[in-house]
Amino acid sequence: MSEYRHGRVARPRRPWYARTLRLKHLYLSNLWCVVLFEGSIAIAVLMALTELVSWWVVLILPLGVAAMVKLNDFIAGSVERHN
């Protein structure tokens, strides 16, 4: 059953991680968004606490994961156009 808002069919709201990265070709569930964002922060904090890496990795690792997700979205879009 679809809901109507202002004469248009309402689309399901995407997770904020996907909206922030403006993903067009990847459709991540809420669970995957939590794993990618909060999981990368948790791994970075654990590595910093064990002194395997510096504390700046806590900022850099989530940004690196987001860049890889965005790159994957870009590649998925280019492959989709060529098929």
N, C-alpha and C. Protein backbone atom coordinates (compact mmCIF):
# COMPACT_ATOMS: atom_id res chain seq x y z
N MET A 1 0.84 -1.16 0.00
CA MET A 1 0.00 0.00 0.00
C MET A 1 0.90 1.24 0.00
N SER A 2 0.65 2.17 -0.87
CA SER A 2 1.50 3.35 -0.93
C SER A 2 0.79 4.55 -0.33
N GLU A 3 1.57 5.40 0.28
CA GLU A 3 1.03 6.62 0.86
C GLU A 3 1.22 7.76 -0.14
N TYR A 4 0.30 8.68 -0.11
CA TYR A 4 0.39 9.83 -1.00
C TYR A 4 0.65 11.09 -0.18
N ARG A 5 1.58 11.88 -0.66
CA ARG A 5 1.88 13.16 -0.04
C ARG A 5 1.90 14.20 -1.15
N HIS A 6 1.06 15.15 -1.03
CA HIS A 6 0.99 16.25 -2.00
C HIS A 6 0.84 15.74 -3.42
N GLY A 7 0.05 14.71 -3.61
CA GLY A 7 -0.23 14.19 -4.94
C GLY A 7 0.83 13.27 -5.51
N ARG A 8 1.88 12.98 -4.76
CA ARG A 8 2.94 12.09 -5.23
C ARG A 8 3.05 10.89 -4.31
N VAL A 9 3.54 9.80 -4.86
CA VAL A 9 3.75 8.61 -4.05
C VAL A 9 5.00 8.83 -3.21
N ALA A 10 4.88 8.61 -1.91
CA ALA A 10 6.01 8.81 -1.00
C ALA A 10 6.97 7.63 -1.09
N ARG A 11 8.25 7.96 -1.26
CA ARG A 11 9.28 6.92 -1.29
C ARG A 11 9.72 6.63 0.14
N PRO A 12 10.17 5.41 0.41
CA PRO A 12 10.68 5.14 1.75
C PRO A 12 11.93 6.00 2.02
N ARG A 13 12.03 6.49 3.23
CA ARG A 13 13.14 7.37 3.58
C ARG A 13 14.42 6.56 3.71
N ARG A 14 15.46 7.03 3.07
CA ARG A 14 16.75 6.34 3.10
C ARG A 14 17.51 6.71 4.37
N PRO A 15 18.42 5.86 4.83
CA PRO A 15 19.23 6.18 6.02
C PRO A 15 20.06 7.44 5.79
N TRP A 16 20.38 8.15 6.86
CA TRP A 16 21.09 9.42 6.73
C TRP A 16 22.48 9.23 6.15
N TYR A 17 23.11 8.09 6.39
CA TYR A 17 24.45 7.83 5.83
C TYR A 17 24.39 7.81 4.31
N ALA A 18 23.37 7.14 3.76
CA ALA A 18 23.21 7.08 2.31
C ALA A 18 22.83 8.45 1.75
N ARG A 19 22.01 9.20 2.47
CA ARG A 19 21.64 10.54 2.01
C ARG A 19 22.81 11.50 2.08
N THR A 20 23.63 11.39 3.11
CA THR A 20 24.79 12.27 3.26
C THR A 20 25.80 12.03 2.14
N LEU A 21 26.01 10.77 1.79
CA LEU A 21 26.95 10.45 0.72
C LEU A 21 26.32 10.60 -0.67
N ARG A 22 25.03 10.88 -0.71
CA ARG A 22 24.27 11.03 -1.97
C ARG A 22 24.45 9.80 -2.86
N LEU A 23 24.22 8.63 -2.26
CA LEU A 23 24.34 7.38 -3.01
C LEU A 23 23.16 7.25 -3.95
N LYS A 24 23.44 6.98 -5.21
CA LYS A 24 22.39 6.87 -6.22
C LYS A 24 22.16 5.44 -6.68
N HIS A 25 23.19 4.61 -6.60
CA HIS A 25 23.09 3.26 -7.16
C HIS A 25 23.18 2.16 -6.11
N LEU A 26 23.67 2.48 -4.94
CA LEU A 26 23.72 1.51 -3.84
C LEU A 26 22.56 1.79 -2.90
N TYR A 27 21.88 0.76 -2.48
CA TYR A 27 20.76 0.90 -1.56
C TYR A 27 21.10 0.14 -0.29
N LEU A 28 21.64 0.88 0.68
CA LEU A 28 22.08 0.27 1.93
C LEU A 28 20.95 0.26 2.94
N SER A 29 20.85 -0.84 3.66
CA SER A 29 19.85 -0.92 4.73
C SER A 29 20.37 -0.16 5.95
N ASN A 30 19.50 0.02 6.92
CA ASN A 30 19.91 0.70 8.16
C ASN A 30 21.04 -0.04 8.85
N LEU A 31 20.98 -1.36 8.82
CA LEU A 31 22.02 -2.16 9.47
C LEU A 31 23.38 -1.93 8.82
N TRP A 32 23.43 -1.92 7.50
CA TRP A 32 24.70 -1.70 6.80
C TRP A 32 25.24 -0.31 7.06
N CYS A 33 24.37 0.67 7.17
CA CYS A 33 24.82 2.03 7.48
C CYS A 33 25.44 2.10 8.86
N VAL A 34 24.85 1.41 9.82
CA VAL A 34 25.40 1.36 11.18
C VAL A 34 26.74 0.64 11.17
N VAL A 35 26.82 -0.46 10.47
CA VAL A 35 28.08 -1.23 10.41
C VAL A 35 29.18 -0.39 9.78
N LEU A 36 28.87 0.29 8.68
CA LEU A 36 29.90 1.05 7.99
C LEU A 36 30.35 2.28 8.78
N PHE A 37 29.41 3.03 9.31
CA PHE A 37 29.79 4.27 10.00
C PHE A 37 30.23 4.02 11.44
N GLU A 38 29.35 3.50 12.26
CA GLU A 38 29.68 3.32 13.67
C GLU A 38 30.70 2.21 13.87
N GLY A 39 30.66 1.21 13.00
CA GLY A 39 31.66 0.14 13.09
C GLY A 39 33.06 0.64 12.80
N SER A 40 33.20 1.51 11.82
CA SER A 40 34.53 2.05 11.52
C SER A 40 35.04 2.94 12.65
N ILE A 41 34.13 3.66 13.29
CA ILE A 41 34.54 4.48 14.44
C ILE A 41 34.96 3.57 15.60
N ALA A 42 34.20 2.52 15.85
CA ALA A 42 34.52 1.60 16.95
C ALA A 42 35.86 0.90 16.71
N ILE A 43 36.10 0.46 15.50
CA ILE A 43 37.38 -0.19 15.19
C ILE A 43 38.54 0.79 15.35
N ALA A 44 38.35 2.03 14.90
CA ALA A 44 39.40 3.04 15.03
C ALA A 44 39.69 3.36 16.49
N VAL A 45 38.64 3.47 17.32
CA VAL A 45 38.85 3.74 18.74
C VAL A 45 39.56 2.57 19.41
N LEU A 46 39.15 1.35 19.09
CA LEU A 46 39.83 0.18 19.68
C LEU A 46 41.30 0.11 19.28
N MET A 47 41.59 0.41 18.01
CA MET A 47 42.99 0.40 17.57
C MET A 47 43.78 1.51 18.25
N ALA A 48 43.15 2.67 18.47
CA ALA A 48 43.85 3.76 19.15
C ALA A 48 44.07 3.44 20.63
N LEU A 49 43.08 2.80 21.26
CA LEU A 49 43.24 2.44 22.66
C LEU A 49 44.33 1.40 22.88
N THR A 50 44.52 0.51 21.93
CA THR A 50 45.58 -0.48 22.04
C THR A 50 46.92 0.04 21.53
N GLU A 51 46.93 1.32 21.14
CA GLU A 51 48.12 2.02 20.67
C GLU A 51 48.72 1.39 19.42
N LEU A 52 47.87 0.79 18.59
CA LEU A 52 48.33 0.31 17.29
C LEU A 52 48.45 1.45 16.29
N VAL A 53 47.62 2.47 16.47
CA VAL A 53 47.62 3.63 15.57
C VAL A 53 47.49 4.90 16.42
N SER A 54 47.69 6.04 15.77
CA SER A 54 47.51 7.32 16.45
C SER A 54 46.03 7.66 16.57
N TRP A 55 45.70 8.65 17.38
CA TRP A 55 44.30 9.01 17.60
C TRP A 55 43.67 9.70 16.39
N TRP A 56 44.48 10.25 15.50
CA TRP A 56 43.90 10.89 14.32
C TRP A 56 43.23 9.88 13.41
N VAL A 57 43.54 8.60 13.56
CA VAL A 57 42.90 7.55 12.77
C VAL A 57 41.41 7.45 13.08
N VAL A 58 41.01 7.86 14.29
CA VAL A 58 39.59 7.85 14.66
C VAL A 58 38.80 8.78 13.72
N LEU A 59 39.41 9.83 13.24
CA LEU A 59 38.76 10.72 12.27
C LEU A 59 38.96 10.25 10.83
N ILE A 60 40.13 9.74 10.54
CA ILE A 60 40.48 9.40 9.16
C ILE A 60 39.81 8.11 8.69
N LEU A 61 39.71 7.10 9.53
CA LEU A 61 39.15 5.81 9.11
C LEU A 61 37.69 5.91 8.66
N PRO A 62 36.78 6.57 9.41
CA PRO A 62 35.41 6.70 8.90
C PRO A 62 35.33 7.50 7.59
N LEU A 63 36.19 8.50 7.43
CA LEU A 63 36.22 9.25 6.17
C LEU A 63 36.72 8.37 5.02
N GLY A 64 37.69 7.52 5.31
CA GLY A 64 38.18 6.59 4.29
C GLY A 64 37.13 5.57 3.89
N VAL A 65 36.38 5.06 4.87
CA VAL A 65 35.30 4.11 4.57
C VAL A 65 34.22 4.80 3.75
N ALA A 66 33.87 6.03 4.11
CA ALA A 66 32.87 6.77 3.34
C ALA A 66 33.34 7.02 1.90
N ALA A 67 34.62 7.31 1.73
CA ALA A 67 35.16 7.52 0.39
C ALA A 67 35.09 6.24 -0.43
N MET A 68 35.37 5.10 0.20
CA MET A 68 35.30 3.83 -0.53
C MET A 68 33.86 3.47 -0.90
N VAL A 69 32.91 3.77 -0.02
CA VAL A 69 31.49 3.52 -0.32
C VAL A 69 31.05 4.40 -1.48
N LYS A 70 31.46 5.67 -1.47
CA LYS A 70 31.10 6.58 -2.55
C LYS A 70 31.76 6.14 -3.87
N LEU A 71 33.00 5.68 -3.82
CA LEU A 71 33.67 5.17 -5.01
C LEU A 71 32.95 3.93 -5.55
N ASN A 72 32.51 3.06 -4.65
CA ASN A 72 31.76 1.87 -5.06
C ASN A 72 30.45 2.28 -5.73
N ASP A 73 29.78 3.30 -5.22
CA ASP A 73 28.55 3.80 -5.82
C ASP A 73 28.82 4.35 -7.22
N PHE A 74 29.92 5.09 -7.37
CA PHE A 74 30.29 5.65 -8.67
C PHE A 74 30.57 4.54 -9.68
N ILE A 75 31.30 3.51 -9.27
CA ILE A 75 31.61 2.39 -10.16
C ILE A 75 30.36 1.63 -10.52
N ALA A 76 29.47 1.42 -9.55
CA ALA A 76 28.21 0.72 -9.83
C ALA A 76 27.39 1.51 -10.85
N GLY A 77 27.41 2.82 -10.78
CA GLY A 77 26.68 3.64 -11.74
C GLY A 77 27.28 3.59 -13.13
N SER A 78 28.61 3.57 -13.20
CA SER A 78 29.25 3.52 -14.52
C SER A 78 29.07 2.16 -15.17
N VAL A 79 29.10 1.10 -14.39
CA VAL A 79 28.86 -0.25 -14.93
C VAL A 79 27.42 -0.38 -15.39
N GLU A 80 26.48 0.20 -14.63
CA GLU A 80 25.07 0.13 -14.97
C GLU A 80 24.79 0.85 -16.28
N ARG A 81 25.48 1.96 -16.54
CA ARG A 81 25.28 2.71 -17.79
C ARG A 81 25.81 1.97 -19.00
N HIS A 82 26.87 1.17 -18.81
CA HIS A 82 27.47 0.47 -19.94
C HIS A 82 26.77 -0.83 -20.28
N ASN A 83 25.86 -1.29 -19.44
CA ASN A 83 25.13 -2.54 -19.73
C ASN A 83 23.87 -2.27 -20.44
